[in-house]
């Protein structure tokens, strides 16, 4: 395994002084080119996250620091401030401020089950995790042990209701007798009771993986009927201290409407024009009004309809070799593909055709 290094706080201050002398920003394309590294690696450097030693050395030397060893954090006790590792949420999060505030208000009120629904890559998981971060201070003050996350894309773990119930109960300190492990009704009772009487925040990701159906009617029926029984029991309870945030490509059709006061569904769309630019800026690309990059990035964002995952992938490609943040160079190579999509979108618009969430324009290189 290659040796990795991270910068100390004092080291970053030294590097910051040197880069200011050169007039570079923290993810300058010329810095990436001189250090022969990507914007992503430079960003990790500034976040004091581990990167390969040779890359660390090149970053320091490119800015004029030959004694790169003085920048290294040699304190083994240094730890990240994060209390939990998330699948999708990170410091590149942008936008959806009003939506986040609205959903937090619902969860703090009577919403026991919050469904976030949308196409792949639209940002459901990141939003669920962002909500967890925002809710934690008031909902679970100082205690991440009462936060639990299940990812149903993980094929290494069973996702039937009984298995998930056992994982949750054991994490929260309950002993599960052999007989109870075989008694799904008993597990249902214990999990619902636990959630009713204690304040937990649970995120369940990729719910579509435990559902079944067909193209005509949708994929919105649970494969395991105990999941439906669980959700209905939680909604029917007289009270419930816990909250569940669930992501899915389809809303389960079996969620009873009579409990609508206790559950809600939010359908996600792409980022707005300003949020797209903010995302590009967060990844280290120049977006200033006087920058040649801005118009190209605006067109890329529009062609992808603000799809967060697609835009982050493109930003990563622009930031990595051979472009090292050169948006114009990227456009010169791939811009014709964006132009083809723009033309197709315009033709569809003039013909009165509206693309739906399930009929996105595809860009393939």
Protein backbone atom coordinates (compact mmCIF):
# COMPACT_ATOMS: atom_id res chain seq x y z
CA UNK A 1 0.00 0.00 0.00
CA UNK A 2 1.36 3.44 -0.95
CA UNK A 3 2.29 5.82 1.87
CA UNK A 4 -0.28 8.56 2.43
CA UNK A 5 0.19 11.92 4.13
CA UNK A 6 -2.10 14.68 5.33
CA UNK A 7 -1.38 18.35 5.97
CA UNK A 8 -1.37 19.81 9.46
CA UNK A 9 -3.33 22.96 10.26
CA UNK A 10 -0.10 24.93 10.60
CA UNK A 11 1.16 23.42 7.35
CA UNK A 12 -1.96 24.55 5.50
CA UNK A 13 -1.43 28.08 6.81
CA UNK A 14 2.11 28.06 5.37
CA UNK A 15 0.90 26.74 2.01
CA UNK A 16 -1.89 29.32 2.00
CA UNK A 17 0.61 32.16 2.38
CA UNK A 18 2.71 30.83 -0.50
CA UNK A 19 -0.19 30.35 -2.88
CA UNK A 20 -1.41 33.91 -2.14
CA UNK A 21 2.00 35.24 -3.18
CA UNK A 22 1.50 33.55 -6.55
CA UNK A 23 -2.07 34.78 -6.89
CA UNK A 24 -3.45 31.21 -7.13
CA UNK A 25 -6.79 30.08 -5.78
CA UNK A 26 -6.94 26.87 -3.78
CA UNK A 27 -7.79 24.70 -6.80
CA UNK A 28 -6.00 26.66 -9.52
CA UNK A 29 -5.63 24.81 -12.83
CA UNK A 30 -2.01 25.98 -13.17
CA UNK A 31 -1.27 24.49 -9.74
CA UNK A 32 -2.75 21.14 -10.79
CA UNK A 33 -0.73 21.18 -14.01
CA UNK A 34 2.53 22.04 -12.29
CA UNK A 35 1.96 19.39 -9.59
CA UNK A 36 0.73 16.86 -12.18
CA UNK A 37 -2.32 16.12 -10.07
CA UNK A 38 -6.10 16.52 -10.15
CA UNK A 39 -8.39 19.14 -8.65
CA UNK A 40 -9.83 16.36 -6.47
CA UNK A 41 -6.41 15.59 -4.95
CA UNK A 42 -5.72 19.28 -4.36
CA UNK A 43 -9.09 19.57 -2.69
CA UNK A 44 -8.31 16.62 -0.39
CA UNK A 45 -5.01 18.29 0.46
CA UNK A 46 -6.84 21.43 1.62
CA UNK A 47 -9.28 19.32 3.63
CA UNK A 48 -6.32 17.75 5.46
CA UNK A 49 -7.32 14.34 4.13
CA UNK A 50 -4.73 11.63 3.33
CA UNK A 51 -3.25 11.66 -0.18
CA UNK A 52 -0.34 9.73 -1.71
CA UNK A 53 3.10 10.92 -0.61
CA UNK A 54 4.38 11.72 -4.10
CA UNK A 55 1.27 13.81 -4.83
CA UNK A 56 1.62 15.58 -1.47
CA UNK A 57 5.24 16.37 -2.27
CA UNK A 58 4.44 17.69 -5.77
CA UNK A 59 1.68 19.97 -4.43
CA UNK A 60 4.04 21.54 -1.91
CA UNK A 61 6.94 21.93 -4.32
CA UNK A 62 4.73 23.39 -7.05
CA UNK A 63 3.81 26.28 -4.77
CA UNK A 64 7.46 26.82 -3.82
CA UNK A 65 7.82 24.77 -0.62
CA UNK A 66 10.81 22.46 -1.01
CA UNK A 67 10.75 21.27 2.61
CA UNK A 68 7.40 19.56 2.20
CA UNK A 69 8.03 17.50 5.35
CA UNK A 70 7.26 20.60 7.44
CA UNK A 71 3.70 20.59 6.09
CA UNK A 72 2.92 17.01 7.15
CA UNK A 73 0.61 16.29 10.09
CA UNK A 74 2.59 13.88 12.27
CA UNK A 75 0.05 13.80 15.09
CA UNK A 76 -1.49 10.29 15.21
CA UNK A 77 -4.31 11.62 17.36
CA UNK A 78 -5.62 13.92 14.63
CA UNK A 79 -9.14 12.90 13.74
CA UNK A 80 -11.79 14.12 11.38
CA UNK A 81 -14.61 16.12 12.92
CA UNK A 82 -17.17 13.79 11.34
CA UNK A 83 -19.06 11.58 13.73
CA UNK A 84 -20.38 9.30 11.02
CA UNK A 85 -19.36 8.35 7.49
CA UNK A 86 -21.98 9.09 4.86
CA UNK A 87 -22.46 7.43 1.49
CA UNK A 88 -23.15 10.59 -0.54
CA UNK A 89 -23.22 13.78 1.53
CA UNK A 90 -19.96 15.74 1.64
CA UNK A 91 -18.70 19.31 1.67
CA UNK A 92 -19.47 19.67 -2.06
CA UNK A 93 -23.16 19.82 -1.16
CA UNK A 94 -24.96 22.75 -2.78
CA UNK A 95 -28.46 24.17 -3.04
CA UNK A 96 -31.88 22.94 -1.99
CA UNK A 97 -31.83 25.34 0.99
CA UNK A 98 -35.56 26.04 0.99
CA UNK A 99 -36.38 22.37 0.46
CA UNK A 100 -34.13 21.31 3.35
CA UNK A 101 -35.80 23.84 5.65
CA UNK A 102 -39.26 22.68 4.56
CA UNK A 103 -38.47 18.99 5.10
CA UNK A 104 -36.84 19.62 8.48
CA UNK A 105 -40.01 21.38 9.59
CA UNK A 106 -42.09 18.37 8.53
CA UNK A 107 -39.84 15.87 10.32
CA UNK A 108 -39.83 18.01 13.46
CA UNK A 109 -43.61 18.05 13.30
CA UNK A 110 -45.68 14.90 12.76
CA UNK A 111 -43.97 13.27 9.74
CA UNK A 112 -42.79 9.82 10.88
CA UNK A 113 -41.91 8.52 7.41
CA UNK A 114 -40.39 10.85 4.82
CA UNK A 115 -39.97 9.41 1.31
CA UNK A 116 -37.49 11.05 -1.07
CA UNK A 117 -38.28 9.88 -4.60
CA UNK A 118 -36.44 10.45 -7.87
CA UNK A 119 -34.32 8.99 -10.64
CA UNK A 120 -30.85 7.53 -10.08
CA UNK A 121 -28.22 10.13 -9.23
CA UNK A 122 -30.66 13.00 -8.62
CA UNK A 123 -29.38 13.40 -5.05
CA UNK A 124 -31.82 11.44 -2.88
CA UNK A 125 -29.18 9.85 -0.64
CA UNK A 126 -27.20 13.07 -0.27
CA UNK A 127 -30.38 14.94 0.69
CA UNK A 128 -31.35 12.27 3.24
CA UNK A 129 -27.90 12.49 4.80
CA UNK A 130 -27.96 16.30 4.71
CA UNK A 131 -31.24 16.19 6.61
CA UNK A 132 -29.67 13.84 9.15
CA UNK A 133 -26.82 16.31 9.70
CA UNK A 134 -29.22 19.24 10.10
CA UNK A 135 -31.58 17.31 12.38
CA UNK A 136 -28.88 15.80 14.56
CA UNK A 137 -28.21 18.88 16.69
CA UNK A 138 -31.82 19.12 17.87
CA UNK A 139 -33.11 15.62 17.24
CA UNK A 140 -30.19 13.61 18.61
CA UNK A 141 -28.11 16.22 20.44
CA UNK A 142 -24.52 15.01 20.63
CA UNK A 143 -25.40 11.33 20.20
CA UNK A 144 -24.85 9.78 16.77
CA UNK A 145 -25.36 6.32 18.30
CA UNK A 146 -29.10 6.89 17.85
CA UNK A 147 -28.64 7.41 14.13
CA UNK A 148 -28.86 4.32 11.92
CA UNK A 149 -28.49 3.95 8.16
CA UNK A 150 -29.41 1.00 5.95
CA UNK A 151 -28.29 0.84 2.32
CA UNK A 152 -30.28 -1.71 0.33
CA UNK A 153 -27.75 -1.54 -2.52
CA UNK A 154 -25.37 -3.47 -0.26
CA UNK A 155 -25.64 -7.03 -1.54
CA UNK A 156 -23.46 -8.29 1.32
CA UNK A 157 -26.31 -7.77 3.81
CA UNK A 158 -29.74 -9.38 3.86
CA UNK A 159 -32.53 -6.85 3.37
CA UNK A 160 -35.56 -8.85 4.46
CA UNK A 161 -37.42 -7.21 7.34
CA UNK A 162 -36.38 -9.71 10.01
CA UNK A 163 -32.66 -9.32 9.25
CA UNK A 164 -32.83 -5.52 9.29
CA UNK A 165 -34.87 -5.53 12.51
CA UNK A 166 -32.27 -7.73 14.21
CA UNK A 167 -29.44 -5.42 13.08
CA UNK A 168 -31.22 -2.35 14.46
CA UNK A 169 -32.23 -3.90 17.77
CA UNK A 170 -28.77 -5.35 18.42
CA UNK A 171 -27.11 -2.03 17.56
CA UNK A 172 -29.33 -0.37 20.14
CA UNK A 173 -28.34 -2.85 22.82
CA UNK A 174 -31.16 -5.41 22.78
CA UNK A 175 -30.49 -9.11 23.16
CA UNK A 176 -32.26 -11.28 20.57
CA UNK A 177 -32.99 -14.82 21.77
CA UNK A 178 -32.77 -17.66 19.21
CA UNK A 179 -36.55 -18.14 19.30
CA UNK A 180 -37.16 -14.44 18.63
CA UNK A 181 -34.87 -14.54 15.59
CA UNK A 182 -37.29 -16.98 14.00
CA UNK A 183 -40.39 -15.03 15.07
CA UNK A 184 -40.88 -12.13 12.65
CA UNK A 185 -44.06 -10.96 14.38
CA UNK A 186 -42.14 -10.68 17.64
CA UNK A 187 -39.33 -8.75 15.91
CA UNK A 188 -41.89 -6.39 14.39
CA UNK A 189 -43.42 -5.71 17.80
CA UNK A 190 -40.05 -5.09 19.43
CA UNK A 191 -38.75 -2.77 16.69
CA UNK A 192 -41.93 -0.68 16.54
CA UNK A 193 -41.99 -0.43 20.35
CA UNK A 194 -38.34 0.62 20.38
CA UNK A 195 -38.94 3.33 17.78
CA UNK A 196 -42.08 4.51 19.54
CA UNK A 197 -40.51 4.90 22.96
CA UNK A 198 -37.05 6.19 21.97
CA UNK A 199 -35.79 9.01 19.80
CA UNK A 200 -33.98 7.51 16.80
CA UNK A 201 -33.23 8.88 13.34
CA UNK A 202 -33.10 6.18 10.65
CA UNK A 203 -32.17 6.57 6.97
CA UNK A 204 -33.11 3.70 4.64
CA UNK A 205 -31.55 4.07 1.21
CA UNK A 206 -32.54 2.51 -2.15
CA UNK A 207 -35.92 1.18 -1.07
CA UNK A 208 -36.59 0.13 -4.68
CA UNK A 209 -34.30 -2.85 -4.12
CA UNK A 210 -36.84 -4.45 -1.78
CA UNK A 211 -39.77 -3.80 -4.11
CA UNK A 212 -41.13 -5.61 -7.13
CA UNK A 213 -43.55 -4.95 -9.98
CA UNK A 214 -43.48 -4.35 -13.73
CA UNK A 215 -42.89 -1.60 -16.29
CA UNK A 216 -46.61 -0.95 -16.82
CA UNK A 217 -47.73 -0.62 -13.20
CA UNK A 218 -44.44 0.38 -11.61
CA UNK A 219 -42.06 -1.25 -9.14
CA UNK A 220 -43.86 -0.35 -5.96
CA UNK A 221 -44.87 -3.53 -4.13
CA UNK A 222 -42.75 -4.95 -1.30
CA UNK A 223 -41.18 -8.36 -1.93
CA UNK A 224 -41.36 -9.08 1.80
CA UNK A 225 -44.85 -8.37 3.18
CA UNK A 226 -43.38 -7.73 6.63
CA UNK A 227 -42.00 -4.42 5.41
CA UNK A 228 -45.51 -3.20 4.70
CA UNK A 229 -46.70 -4.46 8.07
CA UNK A 230 -43.85 -2.61 9.73
CA UNK A 231 -44.56 0.74 8.05
CA UNK A 232 -48.29 0.43 8.70
CA UNK A 233 -47.69 -0.43 12.37
CA UNK A 234 -45.41 2.59 12.76
CA UNK A 235 -48.00 4.88 11.18
CA UNK A 236 -50.90 3.41 13.15
CA UNK A 237 -49.17 3.79 16.53
CA UNK A 238 -50.67 6.38 18.88
CA UNK A 239 -47.30 8.09 19.12
CA UNK A 240 -43.78 7.68 17.76
CA UNK A 241 -40.64 9.45 18.94
CA UNK A 242 -38.46 8.27 16.03
CA UNK A 243 -38.28 9.43 12.42
CA UNK A 244 -37.45 7.48 9.25
CA UNK A 245 -36.14 9.05 6.02
CA UNK A 246 -36.37 6.70 3.03
CA UNK A 247 -35.06 7.08 -0.53
CA UNK A 248 -36.49 5.28 -3.54
CA UNK A 249 -36.95 5.49 -7.29
CA UNK A 250 -40.63 4.65 -6.75
CA UNK A 251 -43.06 5.40 -3.94
CA UNK A 252 -44.39 2.18 -2.38
CA UNK A 253 -47.98 1.87 -3.51
CA UNK A 254 -49.01 0.10 -0.31
CA UNK A 255 -48.45 3.04 2.05
CA UNK A 256 -51.96 3.69 3.43
CA UNK A 257 -53.43 7.10 2.56
CA UNK A 258 -55.45 7.17 5.79
CA UNK A 259 -52.24 7.92 7.70
CA UNK A 260 -51.23 10.83 5.42
CA UNK A 261 -50.74 13.11 8.43
CA UNK A 262 -47.81 10.93 9.48
CA UNK A 263 -45.94 10.46 6.18
CA UNK A 264 -44.91 12.58 3.23
CA UNK A 265 -43.29 12.17 -0.18
CA UNK A 266 -40.91 14.61 -1.85
CA UNK A 267 -40.11 14.12 -5.55
CA UNK A 268 -36.66 15.48 -6.43
CA UNK A 269 -35.67 17.27 -9.62
CA UNK A 270 -32.33 18.65 -10.82
CA UNK A 271 -30.39 21.63 -9.49
CA UNK A 272 -31.29 25.16 -10.54
CA UNK A 273 -29.00 27.17 -12.84
CA UNK A 274 -27.34 28.97 -9.91
CA UNK A 275 -26.97 25.75 -7.92
CA UNK A 276 -25.23 24.09 -10.89
CA UNK A 277 -22.62 26.84 -10.98
CA UNK A 278 -22.23 26.61 -7.22
CA UNK A 279 -21.57 22.89 -7.58
CA UNK A 280 -18.90 23.48 -10.22
CA UNK A 281 -17.29 26.09 -7.98
CA UNK A 282 -17.32 23.72 -4.99
CA UNK A 283 -15.38 21.17 -7.07
CA UNK A 284 -12.68 23.75 -7.76
CA UNK A 285 -13.65 25.14 -11.17
CA UNK A 286 -13.57 28.87 -11.95
CA UNK A 287 -17.06 30.32 -12.48
CA UNK A 288 -16.48 34.08 -12.18
CA UNK A 289 -18.60 36.33 -14.37
CA UNK A 290 -15.46 37.35 -16.26
CA UNK A 291 -14.29 33.76 -16.63
CA UNK A 292 -14.34 32.07 -20.05
CA UNK A 293 -15.51 28.95 -18.22
CA UNK A 294 -18.88 30.24 -17.08
CA UNK A 295 -20.87 30.07 -20.31
CA UNK A 296 -19.61 26.56 -21.08
CA UNK A 297 -20.43 25.32 -17.58
CA UNK A 298 -23.90 26.88 -17.82
CA UNK A 299 -24.53 25.00 -21.07
CA UNK A 300 -23.26 21.72 -19.62
CA UNK A 301 -25.48 22.15 -16.56
CA UNK A 302 -28.53 22.88 -18.71
CA UNK A 303 -27.90 19.92 -21.05
CA UNK A 304 -27.81 17.59 -18.05
CA UNK A 305 -30.88 19.31 -16.55
CA UNK A 306 -29.02 19.93 -13.30
CA UNK A 307 -28.50 16.23 -12.59
CA UNK A 308 -26.10 16.35 -9.58
CA UNK A 309 -24.30 13.05 -10.13
CA UNK A 310 -23.73 13.69 -13.84
CA UNK A 311 -22.40 17.19 -13.14
CA UNK A 312 -20.05 15.95 -10.43
CA UNK A 313 -18.69 13.29 -12.77
CA UNK A 314 -18.07 15.92 -15.46
CA UNK A 315 -16.48 18.29 -12.94
CA UNK A 316 -14.19 15.45 -11.90
CA UNK A 317 -13.21 14.80 -15.51
CA UNK A 318 -12.46 18.48 -16.07
CA UNK A 319 -10.41 18.66 -12.89
CA UNK A 320 -8.39 15.55 -13.66
CA UNK A 321 -5.73 15.00 -16.30
CA UNK A 322 -5.36 15.91 -19.11
CA UNK A 323 -7.52 19.02 -18.49
CA UNK A 324 -6.49 19.93 -14.92
CA UNK A 325 -9.40 22.36 -14.59
CA UNK A 326 -9.25 23.70 -18.16
CA UNK A 327 -12.96 23.99 -19.00
CA UNK A 328 -12.31 25.44 -22.46
CA UNK A 329 -10.03 22.51 -23.29
CA UNK A 330 -12.72 20.08 -22.15
CA UNK A 331 -15.32 21.87 -24.28
CA UNK A 332 -13.07 21.79 -27.34
CA UNK A 333 -12.98 18.00 -27.05
CA UNK A 334 -16.53 17.19 -25.94
CA UNK A 335 -18.54 20.33 -26.66
CA UNK A 336 -19.99 18.92 -29.87
CA UNK A 337 -21.81 16.29 -27.80
CA UNK A 338 -23.39 18.98 -25.63
CA UNK A 339 -24.40 20.91 -28.74
CA UNK A 340 -26.12 17.82 -30.15
CA UNK A 341 -28.15 17.47 -26.96
CA UNK A 342 -29.00 21.19 -26.99
CA UNK A 343 -30.26 20.80 -30.54
CA UNK A 344 -32.34 17.74 -29.62
CA UNK A 345 -33.85 19.54 -26.61
CA UNK A 346 -34.74 22.55 -28.75
CA UNK A 347 -36.33 20.36 -31.41
CA UNK A 348 -38.35 18.56 -28.75
CA UNK A 349 -39.46 21.90 -27.31
CA UNK A 350 -40.61 23.27 -30.66
CA UNK A 351 -42.56 20.07 -31.27
CA UNK A 352 -44.28 20.35 -27.90
CA UNK A 353 -42.47 17.37 -26.39
CA UNK A 354 -41.52 17.55 -22.72
CA UNK A 355 -38.87 15.21 -21.32
CA UNK A 356 -39.99 13.43 -18.17
CA UNK A 357 -37.93 12.33 -15.16
CA UNK A 358 -37.81 8.85 -16.68
CA UNK A 359 -36.76 10.06 -20.13
CA UNK A 360 -33.55 12.01 -19.56
CA UNK A 361 -31.20 12.99 -22.38
CA UNK A 362 -28.15 10.76 -22.33
CA UNK A 363 -24.60 11.92 -23.03
CA UNK A 364 -22.11 9.17 -23.75
CA UNK A 365 -18.45 9.59 -24.49
